[in-house]
């Protein structure tokens, strides 16, 4: 499991966009990138093509919480798979179990979702799974164990109602259960990223 050792707000500032790494704080006026705090007349230095490629790669790594070695492995898998490499890469990242738990709004952040999984609170098809990188497949059913503290956390997230569940995931309204209806489409990926820059970076 990747651990971010540097202040995450600094990472968002460097990328000049919200990556929602701190959950509720990112939605509040405490976020450094809140529009009301933006300074006028500030321009960014010109970035080289290599710099843009590196920035996009690092942005996606931080967004999904994966290390360089893991990311290279995902890229190798995407390159071998059928379909457009960039889209397959993003699909693999979206189908990580920690991302799914976050996307169905059972945790305030992906870091919290990873913690829930590692501590054994998440089940896939009735079996406990403690690997955040677990790849969900079509038809998989995800749930949270009864009596878990994350049941209450999921209720708190739902009450905020700040985002919608993507169409590729089906969530039960009455109980904490979700099902993978299909694989995500490119336009359903939550992060604004130019995957072509990442492909060019690794293709050199």
N, C-alpha and C. Protein backbone atom coordinates (compact mmCIF):
# COMPACT_ATOMS: atom_id res chain seq x y z
N UNK A 1 0.84 -1.18 0.00
CA UNK A 1 0.00 0.00 0.00
C UNK A 1 0.88 1.24 0.00
N UNK A 2 0.65 2.17 -0.90
CA UNK A 2 1.46 3.37 -1.00
C UNK A 2 1.15 4.32 0.14
N UNK A 3 2.21 4.91 0.70
CA UNK A 3 2.04 5.89 1.77
C UNK A 3 2.61 7.22 1.32
N UNK A 4 1.81 8.27 1.37
CA UNK A 4 2.26 9.59 0.98
C UNK A 4 2.92 10.25 2.18
N UNK A 5 4.22 10.51 2.09
CA UNK A 5 4.96 11.04 3.23
C UNK A 5 4.98 12.56 3.27
N UNK A 6 4.71 13.21 2.13
CA UNK A 6 4.74 14.67 2.09
C UNK A 6 3.34 15.24 2.24
N UNK A 7 3.23 16.52 2.68
CA UNK A 7 1.90 17.13 2.83
C UNK A 7 1.11 17.06 1.53
N UNK A 8 -0.09 16.47 1.59
CA UNK A 8 -0.85 16.23 0.36
C UNK A 8 -1.37 17.52 -0.27
N UNK A 9 -1.60 18.55 0.55
CA UNK A 9 -2.07 19.82 -0.02
C UNK A 9 -1.00 20.42 -0.93
N UNK A 10 0.25 20.18 -0.60
CA UNK A 10 1.35 20.68 -1.42
C UNK A 10 1.33 20.01 -2.80
N UNK A 11 0.94 18.73 -2.82
CA UNK A 11 0.87 18.00 -4.08
C UNK A 11 -0.20 18.60 -4.98
N UNK A 12 -1.36 18.94 -4.40
CA UNK A 12 -2.43 19.56 -5.18
C UNK A 12 -2.01 20.93 -5.71
N UNK A 13 -1.31 21.70 -4.87
CA UNK A 13 -0.86 23.02 -5.30
C UNK A 13 0.13 22.91 -6.46
N UNK A 14 1.00 21.90 -6.38
CA UNK A 14 1.98 21.73 -7.45
C UNK A 14 1.31 21.38 -8.77
N UNK A 15 0.21 20.62 -8.70
CA UNK A 15 -0.52 20.24 -9.91
C UNK A 15 -1.57 21.27 -10.30
N UNK A 16 -1.75 22.29 -9.47
CA UNK A 16 -2.69 23.38 -9.73
C UNK A 16 -4.13 22.89 -9.92
N UNK A 17 -4.49 21.79 -9.23
CA UNK A 17 -5.87 21.29 -9.28
C UNK A 17 -6.13 20.38 -8.09
N UNK A 18 -7.40 20.29 -7.72
CA UNK A 18 -7.77 19.45 -6.59
C UNK A 18 -7.68 17.98 -6.96
N UNK A 19 -6.98 17.20 -6.11
CA UNK A 19 -6.91 15.75 -6.31
C UNK A 19 -7.71 15.02 -5.24
N UNK A 20 -8.34 15.78 -4.37
CA UNK A 20 -9.22 15.23 -3.33
C UNK A 20 -8.52 14.15 -2.50
N UNK A 21 -7.36 14.51 -1.97
CA UNK A 21 -6.56 13.57 -1.19
C UNK A 21 -6.87 13.64 0.31
N UNK A 22 -7.60 14.67 0.74
CA UNK A 22 -7.89 14.81 2.17
C UNK A 22 -9.39 14.74 2.47
N UNK A 23 -10.15 14.14 1.58
CA UNK A 23 -11.57 13.92 1.84
C UNK A 23 -12.36 15.20 2.06
N UNK A 24 -12.99 15.32 3.24
CA UNK A 24 -13.89 16.44 3.53
C UNK A 24 -13.19 17.80 3.45
N UNK A 25 -11.93 17.86 3.82
CA UNK A 25 -11.20 19.13 3.79
C UNK A 25 -11.16 19.72 2.38
N UNK A 26 -11.09 18.83 1.38
CA UNK A 26 -11.01 19.29 -0.01
C UNK A 26 -12.29 19.97 -0.47
N UNK A 27 -13.40 19.65 0.19
CA UNK A 27 -14.68 20.25 -0.17
C UNK A 27 -14.96 21.52 0.62
N UNK A 28 -14.12 21.83 1.60
CA UNK A 28 -14.36 22.98 2.46
C UNK A 28 -13.53 24.18 2.02
N UNK A 29 -13.77 25.31 2.70
CA UNK A 29 -13.01 26.52 2.38
C UNK A 29 -11.60 26.48 2.96
N UNK A 30 -11.26 25.39 3.66
CA UNK A 30 -9.90 25.22 4.17
C UNK A 30 -8.94 24.75 3.09
N UNK A 31 -9.48 24.27 1.98
CA UNK A 31 -8.64 23.80 0.89
C UNK A 31 -7.85 24.96 0.30
N UNK A 32 -6.52 24.82 0.15
CA UNK A 32 -5.70 25.89 -0.42
C UNK A 32 -6.10 26.27 -1.84
N UNK A 33 -6.78 25.35 -2.54
CA UNK A 33 -7.18 25.62 -3.91
C UNK A 33 -8.63 26.08 -4.01
N UNK A 34 -9.21 26.44 -2.88
CA UNK A 34 -10.56 27.00 -2.91
C UNK A 34 -10.55 28.27 -3.76
N UNK A 35 -11.50 28.42 -4.70
CA UNK A 35 -11.52 29.58 -5.62
C UNK A 35 -11.41 30.92 -4.91
N UNK A 36 -11.94 31.01 -3.70
CA UNK A 36 -11.92 32.28 -2.97
C UNK A 36 -10.52 32.65 -2.48
N UNK A 37 -9.61 31.65 -2.53
CA UNK A 37 -8.25 31.91 -2.06
C UNK A 37 -7.26 32.10 -3.20
N UNK A 38 -7.72 31.92 -4.41
CA UNK A 38 -6.81 32.02 -5.55
C UNK A 38 -6.37 33.46 -5.77
N UNK A 39 -5.09 33.62 -5.98
CA UNK A 39 -4.54 34.96 -6.22
C UNK A 39 -4.65 35.31 -7.71
N UNK A 40 -5.03 36.53 -7.97
CA UNK A 40 -5.17 36.99 -9.35
C UNK A 40 -3.82 37.39 -9.93
N UNK A 41 -3.70 37.20 -11.22
CA UNK A 41 -2.49 37.64 -11.90
C UNK A 41 -1.29 36.73 -11.73
N UNK A 42 -1.49 35.54 -11.13
CA UNK A 42 -0.38 34.61 -10.93
C UNK A 42 -0.30 33.67 -12.12
N UNK A 43 0.84 33.61 -12.75
CA UNK A 43 1.04 32.74 -13.91
C UNK A 43 2.08 31.68 -13.59
N UNK A 44 1.91 30.49 -14.17
CA UNK A 44 2.84 29.40 -13.94
C UNK A 44 3.95 29.41 -14.98
N UNK A 45 5.11 28.93 -14.56
CA UNK A 45 6.24 28.86 -15.48
C UNK A 45 5.96 27.83 -16.56
N UNK A 46 6.54 28.05 -17.73
CA UNK A 46 6.33 27.14 -18.84
C UNK A 46 6.99 25.80 -18.53
N UNK A 47 6.28 24.72 -18.84
CA UNK A 47 6.77 23.37 -18.56
C UNK A 47 7.13 22.66 -19.84
N UNK A 48 8.25 21.92 -19.81
CA UNK A 48 8.68 21.17 -20.99
C UNK A 48 7.75 19.99 -21.23
N UNK A 49 7.85 19.39 -22.41
CA UNK A 49 7.02 18.22 -22.73
C UNK A 49 7.29 17.09 -21.76
N UNK A 50 8.57 16.85 -21.46
CA UNK A 50 8.93 15.81 -20.50
C UNK A 50 8.34 16.13 -19.12
N UNK A 51 8.40 17.41 -18.74
CA UNK A 51 7.86 17.82 -17.46
C UNK A 51 6.36 17.59 -17.36
N UNK A 52 5.65 17.85 -18.46
CA UNK A 52 4.20 17.62 -18.47
C UNK A 52 3.88 16.13 -18.36
N UNK A 53 4.68 15.31 -19.05
CA UNK A 53 4.48 13.86 -18.99
C UNK A 53 4.71 13.35 -17.56
N UNK A 54 5.79 13.82 -16.95
CA UNK A 54 6.12 13.43 -15.58
C UNK A 54 5.03 13.87 -14.61
N UNK A 55 4.52 15.09 -14.81
CA UNK A 55 3.50 15.61 -13.92
C UNK A 55 2.22 14.80 -14.01
N UNK A 56 1.80 14.45 -15.22
CA UNK A 56 0.58 13.65 -15.39
C UNK A 56 0.73 12.28 -14.75
N UNK A 57 1.90 11.67 -14.94
CA UNK A 57 2.15 10.34 -14.35
C UNK A 57 2.09 10.42 -12.83
N UNK A 58 2.80 11.39 -12.26
CA UNK A 58 2.84 11.52 -10.80
C UNK A 58 1.47 11.89 -10.23
N UNK A 59 0.71 12.67 -10.98
CA UNK A 59 -0.63 13.06 -10.53
C UNK A 59 -1.52 11.83 -10.40
N UNK A 60 -1.48 10.96 -11.38
CA UNK A 60 -2.30 9.75 -11.34
C UNK A 60 -1.84 8.81 -10.23
N UNK A 61 -0.53 8.69 -10.05
CA UNK A 61 0.01 7.84 -8.98
C UNK A 61 -0.49 8.29 -7.62
N UNK A 62 -0.42 9.59 -7.37
CA UNK A 62 -0.85 10.13 -6.08
C UNK A 62 -2.36 9.99 -5.93
N UNK A 63 -3.09 10.25 -7.00
CA UNK A 63 -4.56 10.20 -6.97
C UNK A 63 -5.05 8.82 -6.54
N UNK A 64 -4.44 7.78 -7.09
CA UNK A 64 -4.87 6.41 -6.77
C UNK A 64 -4.05 5.79 -5.64
N UNK A 65 -3.01 6.48 -5.19
CA UNK A 65 -2.22 5.98 -4.07
C UNK A 65 -1.36 4.78 -4.40
N UNK A 66 -0.69 4.79 -5.55
CA UNK A 66 0.17 3.67 -5.93
C UNK A 66 1.62 4.15 -6.06
N UNK A 67 2.54 3.24 -5.87
CA UNK A 67 3.96 3.55 -6.00
C UNK A 67 4.42 3.37 -7.45
N UNK A 68 5.64 3.83 -7.72
CA UNK A 68 6.16 3.76 -9.09
C UNK A 68 6.21 2.32 -9.61
N UNK A 69 6.67 1.40 -8.77
CA UNK A 69 6.77 0.00 -9.20
C UNK A 69 5.39 -0.57 -9.54
N UNK A 70 4.41 -0.25 -8.71
CA UNK A 70 3.04 -0.70 -8.97
C UNK A 70 2.52 -0.09 -10.27
N UNK A 71 2.79 1.20 -10.44
CA UNK A 71 2.29 1.90 -11.61
C UNK A 71 2.88 1.32 -12.89
N UNK A 72 4.16 0.99 -12.86
CA UNK A 72 4.79 0.38 -14.03
C UNK A 72 4.16 -0.98 -14.35
N UNK A 73 3.79 -1.70 -13.30
CA UNK A 73 3.15 -2.99 -13.49
C UNK A 73 1.78 -2.82 -14.14
N UNK A 74 1.03 -1.82 -13.71
CA UNK A 74 -0.26 -1.54 -14.33
C UNK A 74 -0.09 -1.16 -15.80
N UNK A 75 0.96 -0.38 -16.08
CA UNK A 75 1.21 0.02 -17.46
C UNK A 75 1.54 -1.19 -18.32
N UNK A 76 2.35 -2.11 -17.79
CA UNK A 76 2.72 -3.33 -18.53
C UNK A 76 1.48 -4.18 -18.80
N UNK A 77 0.59 -4.28 -17.81
CA UNK A 77 -0.65 -5.03 -17.98
C UNK A 77 -1.53 -4.39 -19.04
N UNK A 78 -1.62 -3.06 -19.02
CA UNK A 78 -2.46 -2.34 -19.98
C UNK A 78 -1.92 -2.48 -21.39
N UNK A 79 -0.60 -2.49 -21.52
CA UNK A 79 0.03 -2.60 -22.83
C UNK A 79 -0.23 -3.96 -23.47
N UNK A 80 -0.31 -5.00 -22.64
CA UNK A 80 -0.53 -6.35 -23.15
C UNK A 80 -2.01 -6.63 -23.43
N UNK A 81 -2.89 -5.89 -22.77
CA UNK A 81 -4.33 -6.14 -22.90
C UNK A 81 -4.88 -5.58 -24.21
N UNK A 82 -6.05 -6.08 -24.60
CA UNK A 82 -6.72 -5.57 -25.79
C UNK A 82 -7.32 -4.20 -25.49
N UNK A 83 -7.32 -3.35 -26.48
CA UNK A 83 -7.90 -2.03 -26.31
C UNK A 83 -6.85 -0.94 -26.32
N UNK A 84 -7.30 0.29 -26.12
CA UNK A 84 -6.41 1.45 -26.09
C UNK A 84 -5.64 1.43 -24.77
N UNK A 85 -4.32 1.45 -24.84
CA UNK A 85 -3.48 1.29 -23.65
C UNK A 85 -3.83 2.28 -22.55
N UNK A 86 -3.97 3.55 -22.89
CA UNK A 86 -4.26 4.57 -21.89
C UNK A 86 -5.58 4.33 -21.18
N UNK A 87 -6.59 3.96 -21.93
CA UNK A 87 -7.91 3.71 -21.35
C UNK A 87 -7.90 2.47 -20.48
N UNK A 88 -7.18 1.45 -20.91
CA UNK A 88 -7.07 0.22 -20.11
C UNK A 88 -6.34 0.51 -18.80
N UNK A 89 -5.30 1.33 -18.87
CA UNK A 89 -4.54 1.69 -17.68
C UNK A 89 -5.44 2.36 -16.64
N UNK A 90 -6.24 3.31 -17.08
CA UNK A 90 -7.14 4.01 -16.17
C UNK A 90 -8.23 3.07 -15.65
N UNK A 91 -8.66 2.15 -16.49
CA UNK A 91 -9.67 1.18 -16.05
C UNK A 91 -9.13 0.29 -14.94
N UNK A 92 -7.89 -0.15 -15.09
CA UNK A 92 -7.27 -1.00 -14.06
C UNK A 92 -7.18 -0.25 -12.73
N UNK A 93 -6.84 1.01 -12.79
CA UNK A 93 -6.73 1.81 -11.58
C UNK A 93 -8.10 2.06 -10.95
N UNK A 94 -9.10 2.31 -11.80
CA UNK A 94 -10.45 2.53 -11.30
C UNK A 94 -11.02 1.27 -10.64
N UNK A 95 -10.59 0.11 -11.11
CA UNK A 95 -11.14 -1.16 -10.60
C UNK A 95 -10.39 -1.68 -9.38
N UNK A 96 -9.47 -0.90 -8.84
CA UNK A 96 -8.87 -1.26 -7.57
C UNK A 96 -9.96 -1.23 -6.49
N UNK A 97 -9.90 -2.16 -5.57
CA UNK A 97 -10.93 -2.25 -4.54
C UNK A 97 -11.00 -0.98 -3.69
N UNK A 98 -9.85 -0.39 -3.35
CA UNK A 98 -9.89 0.82 -2.53
C UNK A 98 -10.57 1.97 -3.26
N UNK A 99 -10.37 2.04 -4.58
CA UNK A 99 -11.05 3.08 -5.34
C UNK A 99 -12.55 2.84 -5.39
N UNK A 100 -12.95 1.58 -5.52
CA UNK A 100 -14.38 1.26 -5.58
C UNK A 100 -15.07 1.63 -4.26
N UNK A 101 -14.43 1.28 -3.14
CA UNK A 101 -15.00 1.62 -1.83
C UNK A 101 -15.17 3.13 -1.69
N UNK A 102 -14.21 3.88 -2.22
CA UNK A 102 -14.30 5.34 -2.18
C UNK A 102 -15.38 5.85 -3.13
N UNK A 103 -15.46 5.26 -4.31
CA UNK A 103 -16.40 5.74 -5.34
C UNK A 103 -17.86 5.47 -4.98
N UNK A 104 -18.12 4.47 -4.14
CA UNK A 104 -19.50 4.23 -3.70
C UNK A 104 -19.80 5.00 -2.42
N UNK A 105 -18.84 5.84 -2.01
CA UNK A 105 -19.03 6.75 -0.87
C UNK A 105 -19.19 6.04 0.46
N UNK A 106 -18.29 5.07 0.70
CA UNK A 106 -18.24 4.42 2.00
C UNK A 106 -17.07 4.94 2.82
N UNK A 107 -16.30 5.86 2.25
CA UNK A 107 -15.16 6.45 2.95
C UNK A 107 -14.97 7.88 2.45
N UNK A 108 -14.37 8.72 3.28
CA UNK A 108 -14.18 10.12 2.91
C UNK A 108 -13.03 10.31 1.92
N UNK A 109 -12.13 9.35 1.87
CA UNK A 109 -10.99 9.45 0.96
C UNK A 109 -10.51 8.05 0.60
N UNK A 110 -9.65 7.96 -0.41
CA UNK A 110 -9.09 6.66 -0.78
C UNK A 110 -8.18 6.13 0.30
N UNK A 111 -7.52 7.01 1.01
CA UNK A 111 -6.67 6.56 2.12
C UNK A 111 -7.51 5.90 3.22
N UNK A 112 -8.66 6.48 3.49
CA UNK A 112 -9.56 5.87 4.47
C UNK A 112 -10.10 4.54 3.96
N UNK A 113 -10.39 4.48 2.66
CA UNK A 113 -10.88 3.23 2.06
C UNK A 113 -9.82 2.13 2.17
N UNK A 114 -8.55 2.49 1.93
CA UNK A 114 -7.47 1.51 2.05
C UNK A 114 -7.36 1.00 3.48
N UNK A 115 -7.51 1.90 4.41
CA UNK A 115 -7.44 1.52 5.82
C UNK A 115 -8.55 0.52 6.17
N UNK A 116 -9.76 0.77 5.68
CA UNK A 116 -10.88 -0.12 5.95
C UNK A 116 -10.61 -1.52 5.39
N UNK A 117 -10.01 -1.57 4.21
CA UNK A 117 -9.73 -2.86 3.56
C UNK A 117 -8.63 -3.61 4.30
N UNK A 118 -7.54 -2.92 4.60
CA UNK A 118 -6.41 -3.55 5.29
C UNK A 118 -6.81 -4.10 6.66
N UNK A 119 -7.73 -3.41 7.33
CA UNK A 119 -8.18 -3.84 8.66
C UNK A 119 -9.29 -4.89 8.59
N UNK A 120 -9.61 -5.35 7.38
CA UNK A 120 -10.54 -6.46 7.23
C UNK A 120 -12.01 -6.14 7.33
N UNK A 121 -12.40 -4.90 7.01
CA UNK A 121 -13.81 -4.51 7.11
C UNK A 121 -14.58 -4.68 5.80
N UNK A 122 -13.88 -5.02 4.71
CA UNK A 122 -14.51 -5.08 3.39
C UNK A 122 -14.52 -6.52 2.86
N UNK A 123 -15.67 -6.89 2.28
CA UNK A 123 -15.84 -8.24 1.72
C UNK A 123 -16.14 -8.15 0.22
N UNK A 124 -15.64 -9.12 -0.52
CA UNK A 124 -15.95 -9.25 -1.94
C UNK A 124 -16.53 -10.64 -2.15
N UNK A 125 -17.77 -10.67 -2.63
CA UNK A 125 -18.49 -11.95 -2.83
C UNK A 125 -18.51 -12.78 -1.54
N UNK A 126 -18.70 -12.08 -0.41
CA UNK A 126 -18.82 -12.77 0.88
C UNK A 126 -17.51 -13.16 1.53
N UNK A 127 -16.38 -12.88 0.89
CA UNK A 127 -15.07 -13.25 1.45
C UNK A 127 -14.29 -11.98 1.80
N UNK A 128 -13.65 -12.02 2.96
CA UNK A 128 -12.87 -10.88 3.41
C UNK A 128 -11.67 -10.66 2.50
N UNK A 129 -11.47 -9.45 2.06
CA UNK A 129 -10.33 -9.10 1.21
C UNK A 129 -9.56 -7.97 1.88
N UNK A 130 -8.26 -8.17 2.10
CA UNK A 130 -7.46 -7.14 2.78
C UNK A 130 -6.39 -6.54 1.88
N UNK A 131 -6.57 -6.67 0.57
CA UNK A 131 -5.64 -6.07 -0.39
C UNK A 131 -6.31 -4.90 -1.11
N UNK A 132 -5.89 -3.68 -0.85
CA UNK A 132 -6.49 -2.51 -1.53
C UNK A 132 -6.36 -2.58 -3.04
N UNK A 133 -5.33 -3.28 -3.54
CA UNK A 133 -5.10 -3.36 -4.99
C UNK A 133 -5.93 -4.43 -5.67
N UNK A 134 -6.74 -5.15 -4.91
CA UNK A 134 -7.56 -6.22 -5.49
C UNK A 134 -8.38 -5.68 -6.66
N UNK A 135 -8.32 -6.40 -7.80
CA UNK A 135 -9.04 -5.97 -9.00
C UNK A 135 -10.46 -6.55 -9.01
N UNK A 136 -11.45 -5.67 -8.93
CA UNK A 136 -12.83 -6.14 -8.99
C UNK A 136 -13.19 -6.47 -10.44
N UNK A 137 -14.11 -7.40 -10.60
CA UNK A 137 -14.57 -7.81 -11.92
C UNK A 137 -16.08 -7.65 -12.03
N UNK A 138 -16.57 -7.72 -13.25
CA UNK A 138 -18.01 -7.60 -13.47
C UNK A 138 -18.75 -8.69 -12.69
N UNK A 139 -19.75 -8.29 -11.96
CA UNK A 139 -20.53 -9.24 -11.17
C UNK A 139 -20.11 -9.33 -9.71
N UNK A 140 -18.93 -8.80 -9.38
CA UNK A 140 -18.47 -8.84 -7.99
C UNK A 140 -19.39 -8.02 -7.09
N UNK A 141 -19.64 -8.55 -5.90
CA UNK A 141 -20.44 -7.85 -4.90
C UNK A 141 -19.55 -7.44 -3.73
N UNK A 142 -19.56 -6.16 -3.41
CA UNK A 142 -18.72 -5.62 -2.35
C UNK A 142 -19.60 -5.19 -1.20
N UNK A 143 -19.15 -5.46 0.02
CA UNK A 143 -19.94 -5.09 1.21
C UNK A 143 -19.01 -4.77 2.37
N UNK A 144 -19.58 -4.15 3.40
CA UNK A 144 -18.85 -3.85 4.64
C UNK A 144 -19.41 -4.73 5.74
N UNK A 145 -18.53 -5.25 6.58
CA UNK A 145 -18.96 -6.16 7.63
C UNK A 145 -19.90 -5.48 8.60
N UNK A 146 -20.90 -6.21 9.07
CA UNK A 146 -21.87 -5.69 10.03
C UNK A 146 -21.16 -5.32 11.34
N UNK A 147 -21.55 -4.21 11.92
CA UNK A 147 -20.95 -3.80 13.19
C UNK A 147 -19.65 -3.04 13.03
N UNK A 148 -19.16 -2.92 11.82
CA UNK A 148 -17.91 -2.19 11.59
C UNK A 148 -18.12 -0.70 11.80
N UNK A 149 -17.09 -0.02 12.27
CA UNK A 149 -17.19 1.44 12.47
C UNK A 149 -17.37 2.15 11.13
N UNK A 150 -17.00 1.48 10.05
CA UNK A 150 -17.12 2.10 8.73
C UNK A 150 -18.57 2.13 8.24
N UNK A 151 -19.44 1.40 8.91
CA UNK A 151 -20.86 1.49 8.59
C UNK A 151 -21.36 2.89 8.92
N UNK A 152 -20.96 3.38 10.09
CA UNK A 152 -21.36 4.73 10.50
C UNK A 152 -20.68 5.79 9.64
N UNK A 153 -19.42 5.55 9.28
CA UNK A 153 -18.69 6.49 8.42
C UNK A 153 -19.37 6.59 7.06
N UNK A 154 -19.78 5.44 6.51
CA UNK A 154 -20.47 5.42 5.22
C UNK A 154 -21.76 6.23 5.28
N UNK A 155 -22.46 6.14 6.41
CA UNK A 155 -23.69 6.92 6.57
C UNK A 155 -23.39 8.41 6.58
N UNK A 156 -22.29 8.79 7.22
CA UNK A 156 -21.90 10.20 7.28
C UNK A 156 -21.55 10.73 5.89
N UNK A 157 -20.85 9.91 5.12
CA UNK A 157 -20.48 10.31 3.76
C UNK A 157 -21.73 10.49 2.91
N UNK A 158 -22.67 9.56 3.05
CA UNK A 158 -23.90 9.62 2.27
C UNK A 158 -24.72 10.86 2.60
N UNK A 159 -24.71 11.24 3.88
CA UNK A 159 -25.47 12.42 4.30
C UNK A 159 -24.94 13.70 3.68
N UNK A 160 -23.65 13.73 3.38
CA UNK A 160 -23.07 14.91 2.75
C UNK A 160 -23.62 15.12 1.34
N UNK A 161 -23.80 13.98 0.61
CA UNK A 161 -24.40 14.03 -0.72
C UNK A 161 -23.67 14.93 -1.69
N UNK A 162 -22.32 14.96 -1.64
CA UNK A 162 -21.55 15.87 -2.49
C UNK A 162 -21.21 15.28 -3.85
N UNK A 163 -21.42 13.99 -4.05
CA UNK A 163 -21.08 13.36 -5.33
C UNK A 163 -22.02 12.20 -5.62
N UNK A 164 -22.04 11.77 -6.86
CA UNK A 164 -22.89 10.66 -7.27
C UNK A 164 -22.04 9.42 -7.53
N UNK A 165 -22.67 8.27 -7.41
CA UNK A 165 -21.98 7.01 -7.69
C UNK A 165 -21.92 6.81 -9.20
N UNK A 166 -20.77 6.44 -9.75
CA UNK A 166 -20.67 6.24 -11.20
C UNK A 166 -21.58 5.11 -11.67
N UNK A 167 -22.02 5.21 -12.92
CA UNK A 167 -23.02 4.28 -13.45
C UNK A 167 -22.53 2.84 -13.55
N UNK A 168 -21.23 2.63 -13.54
CA UNK A 168 -20.72 1.25 -13.66
C UNK A 168 -20.79 0.48 -12.35
N UNK A 169 -21.20 1.19 -11.29
CA UNK A 169 -21.37 0.56 -9.98
C UNK A 169 -22.81 0.69 -9.53
N UNK A 170 -23.38 -0.40 -9.04
CA UNK A 170 -24.75 -0.40 -8.52
C UNK A 170 -24.70 -0.53 -7.00
N UNK A 171 -25.38 0.39 -6.33
CA UNK A 171 -25.35 0.41 -4.86
C UNK A 171 -26.74 0.20 -4.30
N UNK A 172 -26.85 -0.67 -3.31
CA UNK A 172 -28.12 -0.91 -2.63
C UNK A 172 -28.42 0.27 -1.72
N UNK A 173 -29.64 0.80 -1.78
CA UNK A 173 -30.02 1.95 -0.97
C UNK A 173 -30.25 1.57 0.49
N UNK A 174 -30.69 0.34 0.73
CA UNK A 174 -31.06 -0.07 2.09
C UNK A 174 -29.93 -0.70 2.88
N UNK A 175 -28.91 -1.20 2.21
CA UNK A 175 -27.79 -1.83 2.91
C UNK A 175 -26.48 -1.51 2.21
N UNK A 176 -25.40 -1.66 2.93
CA UNK A 176 -24.09 -1.32 2.37
C UNK A 176 -23.57 -2.44 1.50
N UNK A 177 -24.14 -2.51 0.31
CA UNK A 177 -23.71 -3.50 -0.68
C UNK A 177 -23.63 -2.82 -2.05
N UNK A 178 -22.63 -3.20 -2.80
CA UNK A 178 -22.44 -2.64 -4.14
C UNK A 178 -22.08 -3.75 -5.09
N UNK A 179 -22.40 -3.55 -6.37
CA UNK A 179 -22.11 -4.56 -7.39
C UNK A 179 -21.46 -3.89 -8.59
N UNK A 180 -20.49 -4.59 -9.18
CA UNK A 180 -19.83 -4.08 -10.38
C UNK A 180 -20.68 -4.49 -11.58
N UNK A 181 -21.42 -3.54 -12.14
CA UNK A 181 -22.33 -3.83 -13.25
C UNK A 181 -21.57 -4.00 -14.56
N UNK A 182 -20.51 -3.23 -14.72
CA UNK A 182 -19.68 -3.29 -15.93
C UNK A 182 -18.37 -2.58 -15.64
N UNK A 183 -17.47 -2.59 -16.59
CA UNK A 183 -16.22 -1.86 -16.41
C UNK A 183 -16.43 -0.38 -16.75
N UNK A 184 -15.68 0.51 -16.11
CA UNK A 184 -15.88 1.94 -16.34
C UNK A 184 -15.46 2.39 -17.74
N UNK A 185 -16.19 3.37 -18.26
CA UNK A 185 -15.84 3.98 -19.53
C UNK A 185 -14.82 5.08 -19.28
N UNK A 186 -14.14 5.51 -20.32
CA UNK A 186 -13.11 6.54 -20.17
C UNK A 186 -13.68 7.81 -19.54
N UNK A 187 -14.86 8.23 -19.97
CA UNK A 187 -15.43 9.47 -19.47
C UNK A 187 -15.91 9.37 -18.03
N UNK A 188 -15.93 8.15 -17.48
CA UNK A 188 -16.37 7.96 -16.10
C UNK A 188 -15.21 7.97 -15.11
N UNK A 189 -14.00 8.10 -15.61
CA UNK A 189 -12.83 8.18 -14.75
C UNK A 189 -12.85 9.52 -14.03
N UNK A 190 -12.67 9.49 -12.72
CA UNK A 190 -12.86 10.69 -11.91
C UNK A 190 -11.78 11.75 -12.04
N UNK A 191 -10.59 11.39 -12.44
CA UNK A 191 -9.48 12.35 -12.45
C UNK A 191 -9.30 12.99 -13.83
N UNK A 192 -9.11 14.32 -13.88
CA UNK A 192 -8.82 14.97 -15.15
C UNK A 192 -7.37 14.70 -15.54
N UNK A 193 -7.15 13.87 -16.51
CA UNK A 193 -5.79 13.48 -16.88
C UNK A 193 -5.69 13.24 -18.38
N UNK A 194 -4.53 13.55 -18.94
CA UNK A 194 -4.24 13.25 -20.33
C UNK A 194 -3.37 12.00 -20.35
N UNK A 195 -4.01 10.85 -20.51
CA UNK A 195 -3.27 9.58 -20.43
C UNK A 195 -2.27 9.40 -21.55
N UNK A 196 -2.45 10.15 -22.65
CA UNK A 196 -1.51 10.03 -23.76
C UNK A 196 -0.11 10.50 -23.34
N UNK A 197 -0.05 11.48 -22.46
CA UNK A 197 1.24 11.95 -21.96
C UNK A 197 1.95 10.86 -21.16
N UNK A 198 1.17 10.08 -20.42
CA UNK A 198 1.74 9.00 -19.62
C UNK A 198 2.27 7.90 -20.54
N UNK A 199 1.50 7.57 -21.55
CA UNK A 199 1.92 6.54 -22.51
C UNK A 199 3.21 6.97 -23.20
N UNK A 200 3.29 8.22 -23.60
CA UNK A 200 4.51 8.73 -24.24
C UNK A 200 5.70 8.69 -23.30
N UNK A 201 5.45 8.92 -22.01
CA UNK A 201 6.53 8.90 -21.02
C UNK A 201 7.16 7.52 -20.93
N UNK A 202 6.33 6.48 -20.88
CA UNK A 202 6.84 5.12 -20.75
C UNK A 202 7.25 4.49 -22.08
N UNK A 203 6.92 5.13 -23.15
CA UNK A 203 7.23 4.56 -24.47
C UNK A 203 8.61 4.98 -24.97
N UNK A 204 9.30 5.81 -24.22
CA UNK A 204 10.62 6.29 -24.68
C UNK A 204 11.67 5.21 -24.50
